Structures are given as C-alpha cells and as structure tokens.
C-alpha cells in the first residue's frame, strides 16, 4: 500500500531496528513517539514531514521518570536499572495524541513502550479507531504458551484482533476483518 499512516510508539531510531523505516521509504508517513528527546531529534532530521513527539505513552496522562542508559539507546526504559540517569517525561495516552492530531485512520500501530506496552495499548479506544495491524512487545514472553495467556493477547482478542505472527519479542495482530485479505495488506515489497 502506498501512502499509509503509522504510529510508532517507542520509535528509538529512524533507521536502525525501525519497523516503520521501510514503510517511510515507500511513501508512508505518521507519528513517531519516544521518551528520549535525542531519539526524537533524530526523527526530526530524518523524517521532518512526520509528527515527532517526545512523550511517554500509557493508559493515563501525567508525568513520570524513565531511566536513560544512553543518549540513544533501545534500553532506555521505565524499568529501573542501576547506573542510569533518571529523566522526567510527560505521559500521554494514544487517544490524546490521536484526538489532538485529528487522526482518522491508522494502518500500522507499533508499540514498544519498554515494559509499559500493555498500558500503552489500553490508552487507545479500539472501538473508535481501528489500526489494521498492531505490533506490540509482550515483555519477556518467548513461548507461545505464555503469549496466549498474556494480558495483551487476551485484550486484543477481545477487541477482534488475531495473532498473525511473532518475532523474538514482538507480536503481530491483525484486525479480524482483514483476515481473508492478508497478501494485499501485508505486502511491503518495493517494485523493482
């Protein structure tokens, strides 16, 4: 699909380990969200047409601290680690971001909120806006037997999403209404 729209929570880096980099190269655009101001500054340079937000995402608004292991580091987290710098960050919900930016359609939602993934997911009203595909980390779950009893799995299943695929620690959930149309929806190959 050309000209799709994504929201990338915990975007980390515009190229490295990015689930939206290929989509961006295909002409997609969207919202990149990260707790690290340095990461967001990289996105402002690499993806100036996107909306780039330095906030944390959860199921309620406010402020909190995250623990910074490095200026641009995938392990910057809300989880407490030794030898880290404690940094205050504004917390929003996905609903707040969606309403503020007047977003009507989401083709792809990626959630990598560093041990707050389920809380971030709870912050979007899936009855009001339905991402076609949701990828989400399910912290420290690697066995499928553990995944299908997780809060994330049960919640998304109750919202009519099905577990389509899995890589290391990220689960791919597709809106059930697209189940018979997988080739068209998931094809990200660029034409040569």
C-alpha atoms as a PDB file:
ATOM      1  CA  UNK A   1       0.000   0.000   0.000  1.00  0.00           C
ATOM      2  CA  UNK A   2       1.232   3.469  -0.808  1.00  0.00           C
ATOM      3  CA  UNK A   3       0.599   6.485   1.389  1.00  0.00           C
ATOM      4  CA  UNK A   4      -0.256   4.543   4.525  1.00  0.00           C
ATOM      5  CA  UNK A   5      -0.256   6.001   8.015  1.00  0.00           C
ATOM      6  CA  UNK A   6       1.614   4.684  11.065  1.00  0.00           C
ATOM      7  CA  UNK A   7       2.056   5.474  14.735  1.00  0.00           C
ATOM      8  CA  UNK A   8       5.345   4.211  16.178  1.00  0.00           C
ATOM      9  CA  UNK A   9       5.426   4.225  19.996  1.00  0.00           C
ATOM     10  CA  UNK A  10       8.990   3.731  21.241  1.00  0.00           C
ATOM     11  CA  UNK A  11      10.386   4.580  17.818  1.00  0.00           C
ATOM     12  CA  UNK A  12      14.026   4.704  19.038  1.00  0.00           C
ATOM     13  CA  UNK A  13      15.812   5.357  15.706  1.00  0.00           C
ATOM     14  CA  UNK A  14      14.608   6.340  12.198  1.00  0.00           C
ATOM     15  CA  UNK A  15      16.597   3.546  10.505  1.00  0.00           C
ATOM     16  CA  UNK A  16      18.171   1.083  12.945  1.00  0.00           C
ATOM     17  CA  UNK A  17      15.750  -1.543  14.289  1.00  0.00           C
ATOM     18  CA  UNK A  18      12.854   0.505  12.909  1.00  0.00           C
ATOM     19  CA  UNK A  19       9.601  -1.230  11.998  1.00  0.00           C
ATOM     20  CA  UNK A  20       8.490   1.883  10.081  1.00  0.00           C
ATOM     21  CA  UNK A  21      11.658   2.661   8.073  1.00  0.00           C
ATOM     22  CA  UNK A  22      10.657   0.597   5.009  1.00  0.00           C
ATOM     23  CA  UNK A  23       7.137   1.989   5.129  1.00  0.00           C
ATOM     24  CA  UNK A  24       8.509   5.543   5.288  1.00  0.00           C
ATOM     25  CA  UNK A  25      10.712   4.838   2.246  1.00  0.00           C
ATOM     26  CA  UNK A  26       7.570   3.629   0.388  1.00  0.00           C
ATOM     27  CA  UNK A  27       5.817   6.953   0.995  1.00  0.00           C
ATOM     28  CA  UNK A  28       4.052   6.282   4.267  1.00  0.00           C
ATOM     29  CA  UNK A  29       4.031   8.947   6.969  1.00  0.00           C
ATOM     30  CA  UNK A  30       2.930   9.151  10.561  1.00  0.00           C
ATOM     31  CA  UNK A  31       3.680   9.866  14.184  1.00  0.00           C
ATOM     32  CA  UNK A  32       6.902   8.820  15.920  1.00  0.00           C
ATOM     33  CA  UNK A  33       6.857   8.817  19.729  1.00  0.00           C
ATOM     34  CA  UNK A  34       9.731   8.212  22.122  1.00  0.00           C
ATOM     35  CA  UNK A  35      10.688   9.004  25.722  1.00  0.00           C
ATOM     36  CA  UNK A  36      14.168  10.064  24.572  1.00  0.00           C
ATOM     37  CA  UNK A  37      14.476  13.640  23.356  1.00  0.00           C
ATOM     38  CA  UNK A  38      17.647  12.647  21.482  1.00  0.00           C
ATOM     39  CA  UNK A  39      15.786   9.948  19.549  1.00  0.00           C
ATOM     40  CA  UNK A  40      13.048  12.406  18.608  1.00  0.00           C
ATOM     41  CA  UNK A  41      15.647  14.930  17.454  1.00  0.00           C
ATOM     42  CA  UNK A  42      16.982  12.275  15.039  1.00  0.00           C
ATOM     43  CA  UNK A  43      13.452  11.729  13.695  1.00  0.00           C
ATOM     44  CA  UNK A  44      13.006  15.486  13.208  1.00  0.00           C
ATOM     45  CA  UNK A  45      16.047  15.407  10.904  1.00  0.00           C
ATOM     46  CA  UNK A  46      15.350  12.090   9.137  1.00  0.00           C
ATOM     47  CA  UNK A  47      11.544  12.385   8.900  1.00  0.00           C
ATOM     48  CA  UNK A  48      10.654  16.081   9.007  1.00  0.00           C
ATOM     49  CA  UNK A  49       7.215  15.516   7.422  1.00  0.00           C
ATOM     50  CA  UNK A  50       6.224  13.145  10.227  1.00  0.00           C
ATOM     51  CA  UNK A  51       4.973  14.325  13.611  1.00  0.00           C
ATOM     52  CA  UNK A  52       7.664  13.537  16.177  1.00  0.00           C
ATOM     53  CA  UNK A  53       6.728  13.607  19.864  1.00  0.00           C
ATOM     54  CA  UNK A  54       8.929  13.389  22.950  1.00  0.00           C
ATOM     55  CA  UNK A  55       6.429  11.811  25.378  1.00  0.00           C
ATOM     56  CA  UNK A  56       5.789   8.525  27.098  1.00  0.00           C
ATOM     57  CA  UNK A  57       2.602   6.619  26.285  1.00  0.00           C
ATOM     58  CA  UNK A  58       0.442   4.875  28.871  1.00  0.00           C
ATOM     59  CA  UNK A  59      -3.209   4.427  29.832  1.00  0.00           C
ATOM     60  CA  UNK A  60      -3.382   7.750  31.716  1.00  0.00           C
ATOM     61  CA  UNK A  61      -1.856  11.184  31.310  1.00  0.00           C
ATOM     62  CA  UNK A  62       0.641  12.786  33.656  1.00  0.00           C
ATOM     63  CA  UNK A  63       4.378  12.804  34.233  1.00  0.00           C
ATOM     64  CA  UNK A  64       6.827  10.089  35.176  1.00  0.00           C
ATOM     65  CA  UNK A  65      10.511   9.218  35.150  1.00  0.00           C
ATOM     66  CA  UNK A  66      12.320   6.920  32.779  1.00  0.00           C
ATOM     67  CA  UNK A  67      15.798   5.512  33.174  1.00  0.00           C
ATOM     68  CA  UNK A  68      18.288   6.516  30.494  1.00  0.00           C
ATOM     69  CA  UNK A  69      21.067   4.050  29.760  1.00  0.00           C
ATOM     70  CA  UNK A  70      22.461   6.193  26.940  1.00  0.00           C
ATOM     71  CA  UNK A  71      21.553   9.167  24.782  1.00  0.00           C
ATOM     72  CA  UNK A  72      20.078   6.997  22.025  1.00  0.00           C
ATOM     73  CA  UNK A  73      19.555   3.543  23.442  1.00  0.00           C
ATOM     74  CA  UNK A  74      16.911   0.869  22.853  1.00  0.00           C
ATOM     75  CA  UNK A  75      17.044   0.010  26.544  1.00  0.00           C
ATOM     76  CA  UNK A  76      16.001   3.464  27.812  1.00  0.00           C
ATOM     77  CA  UNK A  77      13.106   2.327  29.918  1.00  0.00           C
ATOM     78  CA  UNK A  78      10.545   2.903  32.642  1.00  0.00           C
ATOM     79  CA  UNK A  79      12.082  -0.146  34.300  1.00  0.00           C
ATOM     80  CA  UNK A  80      14.613   0.806  36.987  1.00  0.00           C
ATOM     81  CA  UNK A  81      18.210  -0.057  36.121  1.00  0.00           C
ATOM     82  CA  UNK A  82      21.417   0.634  38.043  1.00  0.00           C
ATOM     83  CA  UNK A  83      23.848   3.234  36.723  1.00  0.00           C
ATOM     84  CA  UNK A  84      21.223   5.137  34.758  1.00  0.00           C
ATOM     85  CA  UNK A  85      20.128   8.729  34.617  1.00  0.00           C
ATOM     86  CA  UNK A  86      16.576   9.424  35.849  1.00  0.00           C
ATOM     87  CA  UNK A  87      14.744  11.691  33.356  1.00  0.00           C
ATOM     88  CA  UNK A  88      11.292  13.255  33.792  1.00  0.00           C
ATOM     89  CA  UNK A  89       8.939  12.898  30.813  1.00  0.00           C
ATOM     90  CA  UNK A  90       5.352  13.890  30.013  1.00  0.00           C
ATOM     91  CA  UNK A  91       2.967  10.923  29.723  1.00  0.00           C
ATOM     92  CA  UNK A  92       0.097  10.902  27.224  1.00  0.00           C
ATOM     93  CA  UNK A  93      -2.383   8.330  26.001  1.00  0.00           C
ATOM     94  CA  UNK A  94      -2.697   7.281  22.387  1.00  0.00           C
ATOM     95  CA  UNK A  95      -6.257   8.632  22.469  1.00  0.00           C
ATOM     96  CA  UNK A  96      -4.904  12.057  23.494  1.00  0.00           C
ATOM     97  CA  UNK A  97      -2.375  12.025  20.621  1.00  0.00           C
ATOM     98  CA  UNK A  98      -4.975  10.804  18.103  1.00  0.00           C
ATOM     99  CA  UNK A  99      -7.533  13.429  19.151  1.00  0.00           C
ATOM    100  CA  UNK A 100      -5.022  16.290  19.287  1.00  0.00           C
ATOM    101  CA  UNK A 101      -3.688  15.459  15.799  1.00  0.00           C
ATOM    102  CA  UNK A 102      -7.198  14.677  14.437  1.00  0.00           C
ATOM    103  CA  UNK A 103      -6.100  11.238  13.178  1.00  0.00           C
ATOM    104  CA  UNK A 104      -8.896   9.335  11.441  1.00  0.00           C
ATOM    105  CA  UNK A 105      -7.104   6.210  10.133  1.00  0.00           C
ATOM    106  CA  UNK A 106      -4.148   4.125  11.336  1.00  0.00           C
ATOM    107  CA  UNK A 107      -2.808   1.434   9.037  1.00  0.00           C
ATOM    108  CA  UNK A 108       0.000   0.342  11.362  1.00  0.00           C
ATOM    109  CA  UNK A 109       0.457   0.830  15.098  1.00  0.00           C
ATOM    110  CA  UNK A 110       3.743  -0.270  16.653  1.00  0.00           C
ATOM    111  CA  UNK A 111       4.051  -0.310  20.456  1.00  0.00           C
ATOM    112  CA  UNK A 112       7.439  -0.794  22.090  1.00  0.00           C
ATOM    113  CA  UNK A 113       6.948   1.104  25.341  1.00  0.00           C
ATOM    114  CA  UNK A 114       9.628  -0.641  27.410  1.00  0.00           C
ATOM    115  CA  UNK A 115       7.659  -2.652  29.950  1.00  0.00           C
ATOM    116  CA  UNK A 116       4.590  -0.410  29.629  1.00  0.00           C
ATOM    117  CA  UNK A 117       3.344  -1.927  26.392  1.00  0.00           C
ATOM    118  CA  UNK A 118       0.016  -3.199  27.719  1.00  0.00           C
ATOM    119  CA  UNK A 119      -0.679   0.114  29.457  1.00  0.00           C
ATOM    120  CA  UNK A 120       0.101   1.959  26.211  1.00  0.00           C
ATOM    121  CA  UNK A 121      -2.291  -0.331  24.341  1.00  0.00           C
ATOM    122  CA  UNK A 122      -5.037   0.349  26.903  1.00  0.00           C
ATOM    123  CA  UNK A 123      -4.703   4.069  26.106  1.00  0.00           C
ATOM    124  CA  UNK A 124      -6.312   3.719  22.648  1.00  0.00           C
ATOM    125  CA  UNK A 125     -10.055   3.268  22.185  1.00  0.00           C
ATOM    126  CA  UNK A 126     -10.102   0.490  19.583  1.00  0.00           C
ATOM    127  CA  UNK A 127     -13.856   0.946  19.282  1.00  0.00           C
ATOM    128  CA  UNK A 128     -13.261   4.453  17.834  1.00  0.00           C
ATOM    129  CA  UNK A 129     -10.197   3.910  15.667  1.00  0.00           C
ATOM    130  CA  UNK A 130      -9.035   0.532  14.316  1.00  0.00           C
ATOM    131  CA  UNK A 131      -5.423   0.114  13.255  1.00  0.00           C
ATOM    132  CA  UNK A 132      -5.259  -2.548  10.553  1.00  0.00           C
ATOM    133  CA  UNK A 133      -2.077  -4.040  12.051  1.00  0.00           C
ATOM    134  CA  UNK A 134      -0.755  -3.725  15.608  1.00  0.00           C
ATOM    135  CA  UNK A 135       2.709  -4.880  16.585  1.00  0.00           C
ATOM    136  CA  UNK A 136       3.480  -4.933  20.278  1.00  0.00           C
ATOM    137  CA  UNK A 137       6.194  -6.236  22.544  1.00  0.00           C
ATOM    138  CA  UNK A 138       4.947  -8.709  25.098  1.00  0.00           C
ATOM    139  CA  UNK A 139       7.707  -8.280  27.658  1.00  0.00           C
ATOM    140  CA  UNK A 140       9.804 -11.326  28.411  1.00  0.00           C
ATOM    141  CA  UNK A 141       7.390 -13.783  26.743  1.00  0.00           C
ATOM    142  CA  UNK A 142       9.009 -16.073  24.204  1.00  0.00           C
ATOM    143  CA  UNK A 143       6.970 -19.282  24.474  1.00  0.00           C
ATOM    144  CA  UNK A 144       3.646 -19.297  22.582  1.00  0.00           C
ATOM    145  CA  UNK A 145       2.013 -20.949  25.596  1.00  0.00           C
ATOM    146  CA  UNK A 146       2.912 -17.834  27.621  1.00  0.00           C
ATOM    147  CA  UNK A 147       1.837 -15.434  24.885  1.00  0.00           C
ATOM    148  CA  UNK A 148      -1.691 -16.805  24.544  1.00  0.00           C
ATOM    149  CA  UNK A 149      -2.328 -16.319  28.256  1.00  0.00           C
ATOM    150  CA  UNK A 150      -0.865 -12.789  28.319  1.00  0.00           C
ATOM    151  CA  UNK A 151      -2.943  -9.683  29.007  1.00  0.00           C
ATOM    152  CA  UNK A 152      -2.000  -8.311  25.560  1.00  0.00           C
ATOM    153  CA  UNK A 153      -3.236 -11.417  23.725  1.00  0.00           C
ATOM    154  CA  UNK A 154      -6.485 -11.651  25.696  1.00  0.00           C
ATOM    155  CA  UNK A 155      -7.183  -7.922  25.340  1.00  0.00           C
ATOM    156  CA  UNK A 156      -6.585  -7.784  21.583  1.00  0.00           C
ATOM    157  CA  UNK A 157      -8.503 -10.999  21.017  1.00  0.00           C
ATOM    158  CA  UNK A 158     -11.471  -9.459  22.863  1.00  0.00           C
ATOM    159  CA  UNK A 159     -11.196  -6.447  20.525  1.00  0.00           C
ATOM    160  CA  UNK A 160     -11.396  -8.685  17.394  1.00  0.00           C
ATOM    161  CA  UNK A 161      -7.710  -8.845  16.525  1.00  0.00           C
ATOM    162  CA  UNK A 162      -5.918 -12.118  15.883  1.00  0.00           C
ATOM    163  CA  UNK A 163      -2.289 -13.070  16.448  1.00  0.00           C
ATOM    164  CA  UNK A 164      -0.907 -13.239  12.925  1.00  0.00           C
ATOM    165  CA  UNK A 165       2.829 -13.639  13.524  1.00  0.00           C
ATOM    166  CA  UNK A 166       5.600 -13.386  16.071  1.00  0.00           C
ATOM    167  CA  UNK A 167       9.277 -12.424  16.040  1.00  0.00           C
ATOM    168  CA  UNK A 168      11.519 -12.776  19.099  1.00  0.00           C
ATOM    169  CA  UNK A 169       9.572 -10.480  21.477  1.00  0.00           C
ATOM    170  CA  UNK A 170       7.120  -8.706  19.142  1.00  0.00           C
ATOM    171  CA  UNK A 171       3.644  -9.996  18.305  1.00  0.00           C
ATOM    172  CA  UNK A 172       1.761  -9.017  15.136  1.00  0.00           C
ATOM    173  CA  UNK A 173      -2.017  -8.655  15.496  1.00  0.00           C
ATOM    174  CA  UNK A 174      -4.305  -8.051  12.541  1.00  0.00           C
ATOM    175  CA  UNK A 175      -7.866  -6.749  12.640  1.00  0.00           C
ATOM    176  CA  UNK A 176     -10.031  -9.827  12.006  1.00  0.00           C
ATOM    177  CA  UNK A 177     -11.991  -8.072   9.264  1.00  0.00           C
ATOM    178  CA  UNK A 178      -8.857  -8.264   7.073  1.00  0.00           C
ATOM    179  CA  UNK A 179      -8.120 -11.923   7.723  1.00  0.00           C
ATOM    180  CA  UNK A 180      -9.037 -13.022   4.179  1.00  0.00           C
ATOM    181  CA  UNK A 181      -7.015 -10.221   2.567  1.00  0.00           C
ATOM    182  CA  UNK A 182      -3.517 -10.803   4.005  1.00  0.00           C
ATOM    183  CA  UNK A 183      -1.452 -10.603   0.802  1.00  0.00           C
ATOM    184  CA  UNK A 184      -2.765  -7.178  -0.132  1.00  0.00           C
ATOM    185  CA  UNK A 185      -2.484  -5.697   3.352  1.00  0.00           C
ATOM    186  CA  UNK A 186       0.899  -7.021   4.437  1.00  0.00           C
ATOM    187  CA  UNK A 187       2.840  -6.660   1.175  1.00  0.00           C
ATOM    188  CA  UNK A 188       5.607  -4.113   1.775  1.00  0.00           C
ATOM    189  CA  UNK A 189       7.821  -5.180  -1.134  1.00  0.00           C
ATOM    190  CA  UNK A 190       9.029  -2.359  -3.307  1.00  0.00           C
ATOM    191  CA  UNK A 191       8.638  -2.801  -7.034  1.00  0.00           C
ATOM    192  CA  UNK A 192      11.877  -3.015  -8.987  1.00  0.00           C
END
